[in-house]
């Protein structure tokens, strides 16, 4: 879909919001700011850095129209994992942000092909 008209503007705004979210959250993970959380959830420390790098790359991907679909696909998988992790850890209320991000990524992905 081209970035013109209301739908195109909505995709662009959603893409920018997702880019900001994943550049920020991914950056936090890359710089080791969530070690305790990942340990609490039962993941090894290296997993935090891997997820962080992937999230930063997805954040960059949302900024360019040709890579939005791929960024959306990656984020959908990561957010599904985040929701599963939070629900399994008994923190279902914290799954709201990943759920909204997943829905936005579905919207962007559907309208970026």
C-alpha atoms as a PDB file:
ATOM      1  CA  UNK A   1       0.000   0.000   0.000  1.00  0.00           C
ATOM      2  CA  UNK A   2       1.258   3.459  -0.795  1.00  0.00           C
ATOM      3  CA  UNK A   3       1.551   6.120   1.880  1.00  0.00           C
ATOM      4  CA  UNK A   4      -1.190   8.410   0.654  1.00  0.00           C
ATOM      5  CA  UNK A   5      -4.684   9.052   1.867  1.00  0.00           C
ATOM      6  CA  UNK A   6      -5.966   8.513   5.372  1.00  0.00           C
ATOM      7  CA  UNK A   7      -5.014   4.835   5.548  1.00  0.00           C
ATOM      8  CA  UNK A   8      -1.505   5.648   4.382  1.00  0.00           C
ATOM      9  CA  UNK A   9      -1.164   8.381   6.993  1.00  0.00           C
ATOM     10  CA  UNK A  10      -2.430   6.034   9.695  1.00  0.00           C
ATOM     11  CA  UNK A  11       0.118   3.400   8.658  1.00  0.00           C
ATOM     12  CA  UNK A  12       2.845   6.025   8.741  1.00  0.00           C
ATOM     13  CA  UNK A  13       1.864   7.245  12.226  1.00  0.00           C
ATOM     14  CA  UNK A  14       1.582   3.672  13.547  1.00  0.00           C
ATOM     15  CA  UNK A  15       4.987   2.877  12.016  1.00  0.00           C
ATOM     16  CA  UNK A  16       6.592   5.878  13.693  1.00  0.00           C
ATOM     17  CA  UNK A  17       5.052   4.940  17.058  1.00  0.00           C
ATOM     18  CA  UNK A  18       6.291   1.366  16.699  1.00  0.00           C
ATOM     19  CA  UNK A  19       9.736   2.580  15.638  1.00  0.00           C
ATOM     20  CA  UNK A  20      10.009   4.784  18.722  1.00  0.00           C
ATOM     21  CA  UNK A  21       8.761   2.014  21.012  1.00  0.00           C
ATOM     22  CA  UNK A  22      11.189  -0.592  19.704  1.00  0.00           C
ATOM     23  CA  UNK A  23      14.181   1.698  19.395  1.00  0.00           C
ATOM     24  CA  UNK A  24      13.680   2.697  23.034  1.00  0.00           C
ATOM     25  CA  UNK A  25      12.790  -0.722  24.473  1.00  0.00           C
ATOM     26  CA  UNK A  26      15.323  -2.544  22.335  1.00  0.00           C
ATOM     27  CA  UNK A  27      17.984  -0.045  23.362  1.00  0.00           C
ATOM     28  CA  UNK A  28      17.202  -0.693  27.021  1.00  0.00           C
ATOM     29  CA  UNK A  29      17.786  -4.400  26.458  1.00  0.00           C
ATOM     30  CA  UNK A  30      20.981  -3.858  24.424  1.00  0.00           C
ATOM     31  CA  UNK A  31      22.399  -1.783  27.279  1.00  0.00           C
ATOM     32  CA  UNK A  32      21.542  -4.469  29.839  1.00  0.00           C
ATOM     33  CA  UNK A  33      18.821  -2.569  31.641  1.00  0.00           C
ATOM     34  CA  UNK A  34      16.439  -5.547  31.942  1.00  0.00           C
ATOM     35  CA  UNK A  35      18.737  -8.283  33.244  1.00  0.00           C
ATOM     36  CA  UNK A  36      16.705  -8.800  36.424  1.00  0.00           C
ATOM     37  CA  UNK A  37      13.417  -9.091  34.544  1.00  0.00           C
ATOM     38  CA  UNK A  38      14.757 -11.649  32.081  1.00  0.00           C
ATOM     39  CA  UNK A  39      16.239 -13.679  34.962  1.00  0.00           C
ATOM     40  CA  UNK A  40      12.907 -13.521  36.825  1.00  0.00           C
ATOM     41  CA  UNK A  41      11.151 -14.827  33.728  1.00  0.00           C
ATOM     42  CA  UNK A  42      13.643 -17.700  33.477  1.00  0.00           C
ATOM     43  CA  UNK A  43      15.614 -16.550  30.433  1.00  0.00           C
ATOM     44  CA  UNK A  44      19.416 -16.468  30.198  1.00  0.00           C
ATOM     45  CA  UNK A  45      21.129 -13.061  30.162  1.00  0.00           C
ATOM     46  CA  UNK A  46      22.237 -13.379  26.522  1.00  0.00           C
ATOM     47  CA  UNK A  47      18.583 -13.649  25.436  1.00  0.00           C
ATOM     48  CA  UNK A  48      17.959 -10.066  26.589  1.00  0.00           C
ATOM     49  CA  UNK A  49      20.702  -8.794  24.273  1.00  0.00           C
ATOM     50  CA  UNK A  50      19.459 -10.854  21.326  1.00  0.00           C
ATOM     51  CA  UNK A  51      15.902  -9.582  21.735  1.00  0.00           C
ATOM     52  CA  UNK A  52      17.232  -6.040  22.153  1.00  0.00           C
ATOM     53  CA  UNK A  53      19.203  -6.136  18.906  1.00  0.00           C
ATOM     54  CA  UNK A  54      16.245  -7.607  17.024  1.00  0.00           C
ATOM     55  CA  UNK A  55      13.912  -4.955  18.460  1.00  0.00           C
ATOM     56  CA  UNK A  56      16.268  -2.122  17.497  1.00  0.00           C
ATOM     57  CA  UNK A  57      16.549  -3.508  13.957  1.00  0.00           C
ATOM     58  CA  UNK A  58      12.748  -3.799  13.764  1.00  0.00           C
ATOM     59  CA  UNK A  59      12.447  -0.216  15.027  1.00  0.00           C
ATOM     60  CA  UNK A  60      14.672   0.948  12.186  1.00  0.00           C
ATOM     61  CA  UNK A  61      12.683  -1.237   9.785  1.00  0.00           C
ATOM     62  CA  UNK A  62       9.468   0.576  10.637  1.00  0.00           C
ATOM     63  CA  UNK A  63      10.997   3.860   9.449  1.00  0.00           C
ATOM     64  CA  UNK A  64      11.315   2.718   5.830  1.00  0.00           C
ATOM     65  CA  UNK A  65       8.303   1.729   3.758  1.00  0.00           C
ATOM     66  CA  UNK A  66      10.064  -1.187   1.973  1.00  0.00           C
ATOM     67  CA  UNK A  67      10.988  -2.852   5.289  1.00  0.00           C
ATOM     68  CA  UNK A  68       7.798  -2.255   7.273  1.00  0.00           C
ATOM     69  CA  UNK A  69       6.288  -5.634   6.451  1.00  0.00           C
ATOM     70  CA  UNK A  70       9.386  -7.511   7.641  1.00  0.00           C
ATOM     71  CA  UNK A  71       9.615  -5.348  10.779  1.00  0.00           C
ATOM     72  CA  UNK A  72       5.940  -6.093  11.475  1.00  0.00           C
ATOM     73  CA  UNK A  73       6.441  -9.842  11.088  1.00  0.00           C
ATOM     74  CA  UNK A  74       9.389  -9.811  13.486  1.00  0.00           C
ATOM     75  CA  UNK A  75       7.545  -7.697  16.063  1.00  0.00           C
ATOM     76  CA  UNK A  76       4.442  -9.903  15.910  1.00  0.00           C
ATOM     77  CA  UNK A  77       6.545 -12.929  16.870  1.00  0.00           C
ATOM     78  CA  UNK A  78       8.420 -11.074  19.628  1.00  0.00           C
ATOM     79  CA  UNK A  79       5.242  -9.566  21.094  1.00  0.00           C
ATOM     80  CA  UNK A  80       3.485 -12.940  21.081  1.00  0.00           C
ATOM     81  CA  UNK A  81       6.445 -14.259  23.083  1.00  0.00           C
ATOM     82  CA  UNK A  82       6.319 -11.272  25.430  1.00  0.00           C
ATOM     83  CA  UNK A  83       2.604 -11.753  26.067  1.00  0.00           C
ATOM     84  CA  UNK A  84       3.132 -15.475  26.728  1.00  0.00           C
ATOM     85  CA  UNK A  85       6.019 -14.715  29.100  1.00  0.00           C
ATOM     86  CA  UNK A  86       4.074 -12.121  31.083  1.00  0.00           C
ATOM     87  CA  UNK A  87       0.936 -14.244  31.381  1.00  0.00           C
ATOM     88  CA  UNK A  88       3.024 -17.276  32.433  1.00  0.00           C
ATOM     89  CA  UNK A  89       4.789 -15.120  35.045  1.00  0.00           C
ATOM     90  CA  UNK A  90       1.456 -14.009  36.519  1.00  0.00           C
ATOM     91  CA  UNK A  91       1.805 -10.451  35.232  1.00  0.00           C
ATOM     92  CA  UNK A  92      -1.012 -10.477  32.691  1.00  0.00           C
ATOM     93  CA  UNK A  93      -1.827  -6.810  33.346  1.00  0.00           C
ATOM     94  CA  UNK A  94       1.646  -5.893  32.045  1.00  0.00           C
ATOM     95  CA  UNK A  95       0.828  -7.637  28.755  1.00  0.00           C
ATOM     96  CA  UNK A  96      -1.293  -4.662  27.631  1.00  0.00           C
ATOM     97  CA  UNK A  97       1.613  -2.792  25.984  1.00  0.00           C
ATOM     98  CA  UNK A  98       2.880  -5.839  24.054  1.00  0.00           C
ATOM     99  CA  UNK A  99      -0.729  -6.593  23.029  1.00  0.00           C
ATOM    100  CA  UNK A 100      -1.219  -3.077  21.647  1.00  0.00           C
ATOM    101  CA  UNK A 101       2.157  -3.265  19.884  1.00  0.00           C
ATOM    102  CA  UNK A 102       1.158  -6.617  18.363  1.00  0.00           C
ATOM    103  CA  UNK A 103      -2.151  -5.184  17.101  1.00  0.00           C
ATOM    104  CA  UNK A 104      -0.387  -2.131  15.622  1.00  0.00           C
ATOM    105  CA  UNK A 105       2.201  -4.392  13.976  1.00  0.00           C
ATOM    106  CA  UNK A 106      -0.608  -6.503  12.461  1.00  0.00           C
ATOM    107  CA  UNK A 107      -2.195  -3.324  11.088  1.00  0.00           C
ATOM    108  CA  UNK A 108       1.086  -2.003   9.658  1.00  0.00           C
ATOM    109  CA  UNK A 109       2.027  -5.387   8.198  1.00  0.00           C
ATOM    110  CA  UNK A 110      -1.369  -5.878   6.574  1.00  0.00           C
ATOM    111  CA  UNK A 111      -1.203  -2.439   4.966  1.00  0.00           C
ATOM    112  CA  UNK A 112       2.463  -2.489   3.930  1.00  0.00           C
ATOM    113  CA  UNK A 113       2.469  -5.142   1.223  1.00  0.00           C
END
